[in-house]
Amino acid sequence: MSDTIERVKCLIIGSGPAGYTAAIYAARANMSPVLYQGTQPGGQLTTTNEVENFPGYPQGITGPEMMMELQAQAQRFEADIRDGWITKVDFSGDVHKVWVNDEKEIHCDTVIISTGASAKYLGLESEQKYLKLGGGVSACAVCDGFFYRNQEVVIVGAGDSACEEAHYLSKLCKKVTMLVRRDEFRASKIMAERVANTPNIDILFNTETDEVIGDGQVVTAVRVVNNKTNEKQEIPATGFFVAIGHKPNTDIFKDYIKLDETGYIINTPGTTKTNVPGVFVSGDAADHVYRQAITAAGTGCMAALDAERYLAAKEATVEASAIA
């Protein structure tokens, strides 16, 4: 092995709630974890202004503050938190090889993948403006719907997830306007019927977003266009929710790790194990259902425990072989 190659007992890829929780547990188990934060240190929560549904914060906390506290907690137990991101992996042999920034090579006894998933947005300049301002654009109704109680909101999407989020918002908001690009839902019949039968959900078919309108700080309306007639209208709204899917950040693993048809990592049910021994997954990289900070943190704990048990079993096998 070259002197330039680093050997690591436990490498964690990603720094959201899953990655930092894995680092806390792995560090307390004397696994000397090394965590690379990736291109978005702290993950998706760094774009969330207020987090009020994570246990232990009765007054709420901002997403960036929570991630800073999780990082500090991991570092308290001497987890090695590093800048940089993993650009290539090779899980074909007994040694798990990864490359940082296409340069540094690391050989790992265990790897915990916590790369998360990125919400898909429409890409409108006005949408991105108010997303960055934290002024009314969101890709998570469960996370942010609470802030729009008794207000009017707009949601974009036509699948099961969009229907679920629209129905969730309908319980909190005075009115929910749902924008569907085609003349029908992509969602299952039962989900489509659920939103259609909800009195305060207004469904606009053949309708697309033209612009998110605001006062420079917060969203005040959404201008939409009918893609059949080209007729435009402005819908008063204080919240604009985008529910057109997520893309798991798993591309670099596809040659070695089993993924489903949408790119989420397939793990052994009830565990965080992947198809590659010694490689584990936590958080939204494998979760296309819940996608919450608390569930991600829970699987980060599971991944660290699974990695610890994997190493213990491997060490026991080596010891038994030596005695024999």
Protein backbone atom coordinates (compact mmCIF):
# COMPACT_ATOMS: atom_id res chain seq x y z
CA MET A 1 0.00 0.00 0.00
CA SER A 2 1.31 3.43 -0.96
CA ASP A 3 2.25 5.85 1.79
CA THR A 4 -0.20 8.33 0.24
CA ILE A 5 -3.17 6.05 0.84
CA GLU A 6 -4.98 6.56 4.15
CA ARG A 7 -6.54 3.65 6.03
CA VAL A 8 -9.82 4.38 7.84
CA LYS A 9 -11.88 2.10 10.06
CA CYS A 10 -15.19 3.87 9.40
CA LEU A 11 -15.77 6.40 6.63
CA ILE A 12 -19.02 8.38 6.58
CA ILE A 13 -20.02 10.06 3.33
CA GLY A 14 -22.39 12.97 3.90
CA SER A 15 -23.14 15.40 6.71
CA GLY A 16 -26.86 15.73 7.29
CA PRO A 17 -28.69 14.35 10.35
CA ALA A 18 -27.91 10.79 9.23
CA GLY A 19 -24.19 11.34 8.72
CA TYR A 20 -23.62 13.31 11.91
CA THR A 21 -25.63 10.84 14.00
CA ALA A 22 -23.63 7.97 12.53
CA ALA A 23 -20.46 9.88 13.42
CA ILE A 24 -21.61 10.38 17.03
CA TYR A 25 -22.36 6.68 17.52
CA ALA A 26 -19.27 5.47 15.66
CA ALA A 27 -17.00 7.81 17.63
CA ARG A 28 -18.46 6.66 20.96
CA ALA A 29 -17.79 3.07 19.86
CA ASN A 30 -14.09 3.87 19.31
CA MET A 31 -14.36 3.39 15.55
CA SER A 32 -12.45 6.64 14.85
CA PRO A 33 -14.89 7.75 12.14
CA VAL A 34 -13.88 10.10 9.37
CA LEU A 35 -16.74 12.11 7.85
CA TYR A 36 -16.58 14.03 4.60
CA GLN A 37 -19.20 16.79 4.50
CA GLY A 38 -19.78 16.80 0.76
CA THR A 39 -20.82 19.63 -1.55
CA GLN A 40 -23.54 20.82 0.86
CA PRO A 41 -22.21 20.60 4.44
CA GLY A 42 -25.14 19.94 6.72
CA GLY A 43 -27.35 18.64 3.92
CA GLN A 44 -30.83 19.84 2.97
CA LEU A 45 -31.59 21.18 6.44
CA THR A 46 -29.17 24.04 5.87
CA THR A 47 -31.81 25.49 3.51
CA THR A 48 -34.55 25.28 6.17
CA ASN A 49 -35.15 28.37 8.26
CA GLU A 50 -37.18 26.84 11.07
CA VAL A 51 -37.20 23.27 12.39
CA GLU A 52 -39.97 22.74 14.92
CA ASN A 53 -40.61 19.00 14.71
CA PHE A 54 -37.26 17.60 15.87
CA PRO A 55 -37.49 16.32 19.47
CA GLY A 56 -35.56 18.25 22.08
CA TYR A 57 -36.05 21.76 20.72
CA PRO A 58 -39.21 23.10 22.37
CA GLN A 59 -38.65 26.58 20.94
CA GLY A 60 -37.59 25.29 17.53
CA ILE A 61 -34.23 25.82 15.87
CA THR A 62 -32.98 26.84 12.44
CA GLY A 63 -31.68 24.11 10.16
CA PRO A 64 -28.12 25.54 9.98
CA GLU A 65 -27.96 25.88 13.77
CA MET A 66 -29.08 22.28 14.25
CA MET A 67 -26.43 21.01 11.84
CA MET A 68 -23.74 23.05 13.62
CA GLU A 69 -24.80 21.54 16.95
CA LEU A 70 -24.79 18.00 15.54
CA GLN A 71 -21.33 18.57 14.09
CA ALA A 72 -20.06 19.93 17.40
CA GLN A 73 -21.50 16.93 19.22
CA ALA A 74 -19.75 14.52 16.85
CA GLN A 75 -16.47 16.41 17.25
CA ARG A 76 -16.83 16.31 21.02
CA PHE A 77 -16.31 12.55 20.72
CA GLU A 78 -13.37 13.13 18.36
CA ALA A 79 -15.08 12.31 15.08
CA ASP A 80 -12.86 13.62 12.28
CA ILE A 81 -15.06 16.03 10.27
CA ARG A 82 -13.50 17.08 6.97
CA ASP A 83 -14.26 19.35 4.03
CA GLY A 84 -14.38 17.75 0.61
CA TRP A 85 -16.51 15.24 -1.19
CA ILE A 86 -16.18 11.70 -2.47
CA THR A 87 -15.91 11.67 -6.25
CA LYS A 88 -15.23 7.98 -6.97
CA VAL A 89 -15.52 4.62 -5.23
CA ASP A 90 -14.41 1.05 -5.84
CA PHE A 91 -16.26 -1.55 -3.79
CA SER A 92 -15.23 -4.51 -5.95
CA GLY A 93 -12.73 -6.03 -3.51
CA ASP A 94 -12.34 -6.77 0.18
CA VAL A 95 -10.98 -3.27 0.73
CA HIS A 96 -13.44 -0.44 0.11
CA LYS A 97 -11.66 2.27 -1.85
CA VAL A 98 -12.82 5.87 -2.16
CA TRP A 99 -11.30 8.99 -3.67
CA VAL A 100 -11.70 12.50 -2.26
CA ASN A 101 -11.91 15.36 -4.78
CA ASP A 102 -10.50 13.01 -7.44
CA GLU A 103 -7.16 13.07 -5.63
CA LYS A 104 -6.77 11.53 -2.21
CA GLU A 105 -7.31 7.74 -1.97
CA ILE A 106 -8.69 6.17 1.20
CA HIS A 107 -9.07 2.48 2.03
CA CYS A 108 -11.94 1.78 4.43
CA ASP A 109 -12.93 -1.15 6.62
CA THR A 110 -16.52 0.13 6.63
CA VAL A 111 -18.40 2.82 4.74
CA ILE A 112 -21.63 4.54 5.75
CA ILE A 113 -23.37 6.28 2.84
CA SER A 114 -25.36 9.31 4.03
CA THR A 115 -25.46 11.34 0.84
CA GLY A 116 -29.19 12.11 1.02
CA ALA A 117 -31.48 13.12 -1.80
CA SER A 118 -31.99 16.49 -3.46
CA ALA A 119 -35.48 17.88 -4.00
CA LYS A 120 -36.34 18.66 -7.60
CA TYR A 121 -37.44 22.22 -8.30
CA LEU A 122 -38.91 23.88 -11.37
CA GLY A 123 -35.82 26.02 -11.87
CA LEU A 124 -37.61 29.35 -12.15
CA GLU A 125 -35.48 32.32 -11.12
CA SER A 126 -38.27 33.62 -8.87
CA GLU A 127 -38.71 30.20 -7.28
CA GLN A 128 -35.03 29.95 -6.44
CA LYS A 129 -34.99 33.52 -5.13
CA TYR A 130 -37.67 32.90 -2.51
CA LEU A 131 -36.29 29.45 -1.73
CA LYS A 132 -32.93 30.98 -0.81
CA LEU A 133 -34.62 33.76 1.15
CA GLY A 134 -36.69 31.25 3.09
CA GLY A 135 -39.67 33.34 2.08
CA GLY A 136 -42.33 30.83 1.16
CA VAL A 137 -40.91 28.18 -1.21
CA SER A 138 -40.61 24.63 0.11
CA ALA A 139 -40.28 21.04 -1.09
CA CYS A 140 -41.58 19.49 2.14
CA ALA A 141 -45.16 20.02 3.32
CA VAL A 142 -44.63 17.92 6.46
CA CYS A 143 -41.60 20.03 7.39
CA ASP A 144 -43.02 23.47 6.64
CA GLY A 145 -46.80 23.22 6.35
CA PHE A 146 -47.22 24.21 9.99
CA PHE A 147 -46.00 27.73 9.18
CA TYR A 148 -48.92 28.29 6.78
CA ARG A 149 -51.82 27.56 9.11
CA ASN A 150 -55.05 29.22 7.94
CA GLN A 151 -53.29 30.65 4.87
CA GLU A 152 -53.61 29.97 1.15
CA VAL A 153 -50.91 27.96 -0.60
CA VAL A 154 -50.09 26.50 -4.01
CA ILE A 155 -48.58 23.07 -4.63
CA VAL A 156 -47.10 21.71 -7.87
CA GLY A 157 -47.17 18.01 -8.69
CA ALA A 158 -49.30 15.14 -9.95
CA GLY A 159 -47.98 11.98 -8.30
CA ASP A 160 -48.82 10.14 -5.10
CA SER A 161 -46.40 12.23 -3.06
CA ALA A 162 -47.92 15.47 -4.37
CA CYS A 163 -51.41 14.22 -3.49
CA GLU A 164 -50.28 13.19 -0.02
CA GLU A 165 -48.68 16.58 0.59
CA ALA A 166 -51.70 18.47 -0.77
CA HIS A 167 -53.99 16.49 1.52
CA TYR A 168 -51.67 17.14 4.47
CA LEU A 169 -51.68 20.87 3.71
CA SER A 170 -55.48 20.88 3.43
CA LYS A 171 -55.70 20.06 7.13
CA LEU A 172 -53.66 23.15 8.00
CA CYS A 173 -54.38 25.70 5.31
CA LYS A 174 -57.47 27.65 4.40
CA LYS A 175 -57.08 26.80 0.71
CA VAL A 176 -54.72 24.62 -1.33
CA THR A 177 -54.44 25.13 -5.09
CA MET A 178 -52.90 22.15 -6.84
CA LEU A 179 -51.20 22.64 -10.22
CA VAL A 180 -51.19 19.59 -12.52
CA ARG A 181 -49.33 19.97 -15.80
CA ARG A 182 -51.35 17.38 -17.73
CA ASP A 183 -55.09 16.73 -17.91
CA GLU A 184 -54.86 13.93 -15.37
CA PHE A 185 -52.94 12.81 -12.29
CA ARG A 186 -50.01 10.41 -12.38
CA ALA A 187 -51.04 9.35 -8.89
CA SER A 188 -52.93 6.19 -8.03
CA LYS A 189 -56.71 6.41 -8.38
CA ILE A 190 -57.33 6.35 -4.64
CA MET A 191 -54.91 9.24 -4.00
CA ALA A 192 -56.36 11.29 -6.87
CA GLU A 193 -59.87 10.74 -5.54
CA ARG A 194 -58.79 11.76 -2.04
CA VAL A 195 -57.63 15.21 -3.14
CA ALA A 196 -60.53 15.62 -5.55
CA ASN A 197 -62.96 15.00 -2.68
CA THR A 198 -61.26 17.43 -0.29
CA PRO A 199 -63.34 20.65 -0.26
CA ASN A 200 -60.50 23.13 0.24
CA ILE A 201 -58.24 21.68 -2.48
CA ASP A 202 -58.70 23.38 -5.87
CA ILE A 203 -57.15 21.36 -8.73
CA LEU A 204 -56.06 23.15 -11.91
CA PHE A 205 -55.26 20.73 -14.75
CA ASN A 206 -53.14 21.64 -17.79
CA THR A 207 -51.60 24.35 -15.64
CA GLU A 208 -47.96 25.31 -15.13
CA THR A 209 -46.14 27.84 -12.99
CA ASP A 210 -45.15 31.01 -14.83
CA GLU A 211 -43.66 32.93 -11.91
CA VAL A 212 -43.54 33.03 -8.12
CA ILE A 213 -44.51 36.55 -7.09
CA GLY A 214 -43.42 38.24 -3.88
CA ASP A 215 -42.63 41.52 -2.19
CA GLY A 216 -38.89 40.92 -2.20
CA GLN A 217 -38.97 39.05 1.10
CA VAL A 218 -41.91 36.62 1.05
CA VAL A 219 -44.23 35.01 -1.48
CA THR A 220 -47.53 36.81 -2.09
CA ALA A 221 -48.92 35.06 -5.19
CA VAL A 222 -48.20 32.58 -7.97
CA ARG A 223 -48.77 33.41 -11.63
CA VAL A 224 -49.83 30.33 -13.60
CA VAL A 225 -50.50 29.62 -17.26
CA ASN A 226 -52.90 27.17 -18.88
CA ASN A 227 -50.77 25.23 -21.37
CA LYS A 228 -53.79 24.66 -23.64
CA THR A 229 -55.17 28.19 -23.85
CA ASN A 230 -52.10 30.21 -22.76
CA GLU A 231 -54.39 32.08 -20.36
CA LYS A 232 -52.56 33.42 -17.31
CA GLN A 233 -53.88 34.16 -13.84
CA GLU A 234 -52.47 35.14 -10.47
CA ILE A 235 -53.33 33.02 -7.45
CA PRO A 236 -52.91 34.71 -4.05
CA ALA A 237 -50.68 32.53 -1.88
CA THR A 238 -48.16 32.86 0.93
CA GLY A 239 -46.61 29.44 0.32
CA PHE A 240 -45.41 27.66 -2.82
CA PHE A 241 -44.76 23.92 -2.43
CA VAL A 242 -42.95 21.87 -5.06
CA ALA A 243 -43.73 18.15 -5.02
CA ILE A 244 -42.25 16.86 -8.27
CA GLY A 245 -39.89 14.35 -6.73
CA HIS A 246 -36.42 13.91 -5.29
CA LYS A 247 -33.18 12.69 -6.81
CA PRO A 248 -31.06 10.53 -4.48
CA ASN A 249 -27.39 11.49 -4.52
CA THR A 250 -26.18 8.00 -5.33
CA ASP A 251 -24.78 8.14 -8.87
CA ILE A 252 -21.19 7.38 -7.86
CA PHE A 253 -22.27 4.11 -6.21
CA LYS A 254 -24.35 2.66 -9.06
CA ASP A 255 -21.63 0.31 -10.37
CA TYR A 256 -21.38 -1.48 -7.01
CA ILE A 257 -24.48 -0.82 -4.91
CA LYS A 258 -27.96 -2.06 -5.84
CA LEU A 259 -30.32 0.84 -6.54
CA ASP A 260 -34.02 0.86 -7.30
CA GLU A 261 -35.39 2.26 -10.56
CA THR A 262 -35.29 5.83 -9.24
CA GLY A 263 -31.78 5.62 -7.78
CA TYR A 264 -32.48 4.96 -4.10
CA ILE A 265 -30.15 2.48 -2.43
CA ILE A 266 -31.74 -0.89 -1.65
CA ASN A 267 -30.98 -2.02 1.88
CA THR A 268 -31.75 -5.29 3.65
CA PRO A 269 -35.12 -4.71 5.40
CA GLY A 270 -34.72 -3.92 9.09
CA THR A 271 -31.05 -3.06 8.68
CA THR A 272 -28.83 -0.54 6.92
CA LYS A 273 -26.88 -3.23 5.06
CA THR A 274 -26.38 -2.91 1.31
CA ASN A 275 -25.47 -5.69 -1.11
CA VAL A 276 -21.77 -4.99 -0.42
CA PRO A 277 -20.53 -6.36 2.94
CA GLY A 278 -19.18 -3.55 5.09
CA VAL A 279 -21.04 -0.81 3.22
CA PHE A 280 -24.12 0.61 4.92
CA VAL A 281 -26.67 3.30 4.06
CA SER A 282 -28.54 5.81 6.20
CA GLY A 283 -30.89 8.71 5.62
CA ASP A 284 -32.63 9.85 2.46
CA ALA A 285 -30.28 8.02 0.10
CA ALA A 286 -32.42 4.97 0.88
CA ASP A 287 -35.65 6.60 2.10
CA HIS A 288 -38.18 7.71 -0.50
CA VAL A 289 -41.11 7.56 1.92
CA TYR A 290 -40.50 9.59 5.09
CA ARG A 291 -37.56 11.91 4.31
CA GLN A 292 -37.52 13.56 7.75
CA ALA A 293 -34.58 14.71 9.84
CA ILE A 294 -35.60 12.49 12.75
CA THR A 295 -35.91 9.33 10.62
CA ALA A 296 -32.59 10.10 8.95
CA ALA A 297 -30.93 10.47 12.35
CA GLY A 298 -32.42 7.16 13.45
CA THR A 299 -30.96 5.30 10.48
CA GLY A 300 -27.61 7.02 11.10
CA CYS A 301 -27.62 5.38 14.53
CA MET A 302 -28.55 2.03 12.96
CA ALA A 303 -25.77 2.28 10.38
CA ALA A 304 -23.11 2.95 13.00
CA LEU A 305 -24.33 -0.01 15.09
CA ASP A 306 -24.41 -2.26 12.01
CA ALA A 307 -20.88 -1.17 11.09
CA GLU A 308 -19.65 -1.79 14.62
CA ARG A 309 -21.13 -5.31 14.63
CA TYR A 310 -19.68 -6.01 11.21
CA LEU A 311 -16.19 -5.06 12.41
CA ALA A 312 -16.58 -7.06 15.62
CA ALA A 313 -17.63 -10.17 13.69
CA LYS A 314 -14.74 -9.73 11.27
CA GLU A 315 -12.23 -9.33 14.09
CA ALA A 316 -13.63 -12.41 15.84
CA THR A 317 -13.19 -14.43 12.64
CA VAL A 318 -9.58 -13.27 12.29
CA GLU A 319 -8.86 -14.17 15.94
CA ALA A 320 -10.44 -17.60 15.53
CA SER A 321 -8.36 -18.25 12.41
CA ALA A 322 -5.19 -17.22 14.24
CA ILE A 323 -5.92 -19.62 17.13
CA ALA A 324 -6.64 -22.46 14.72
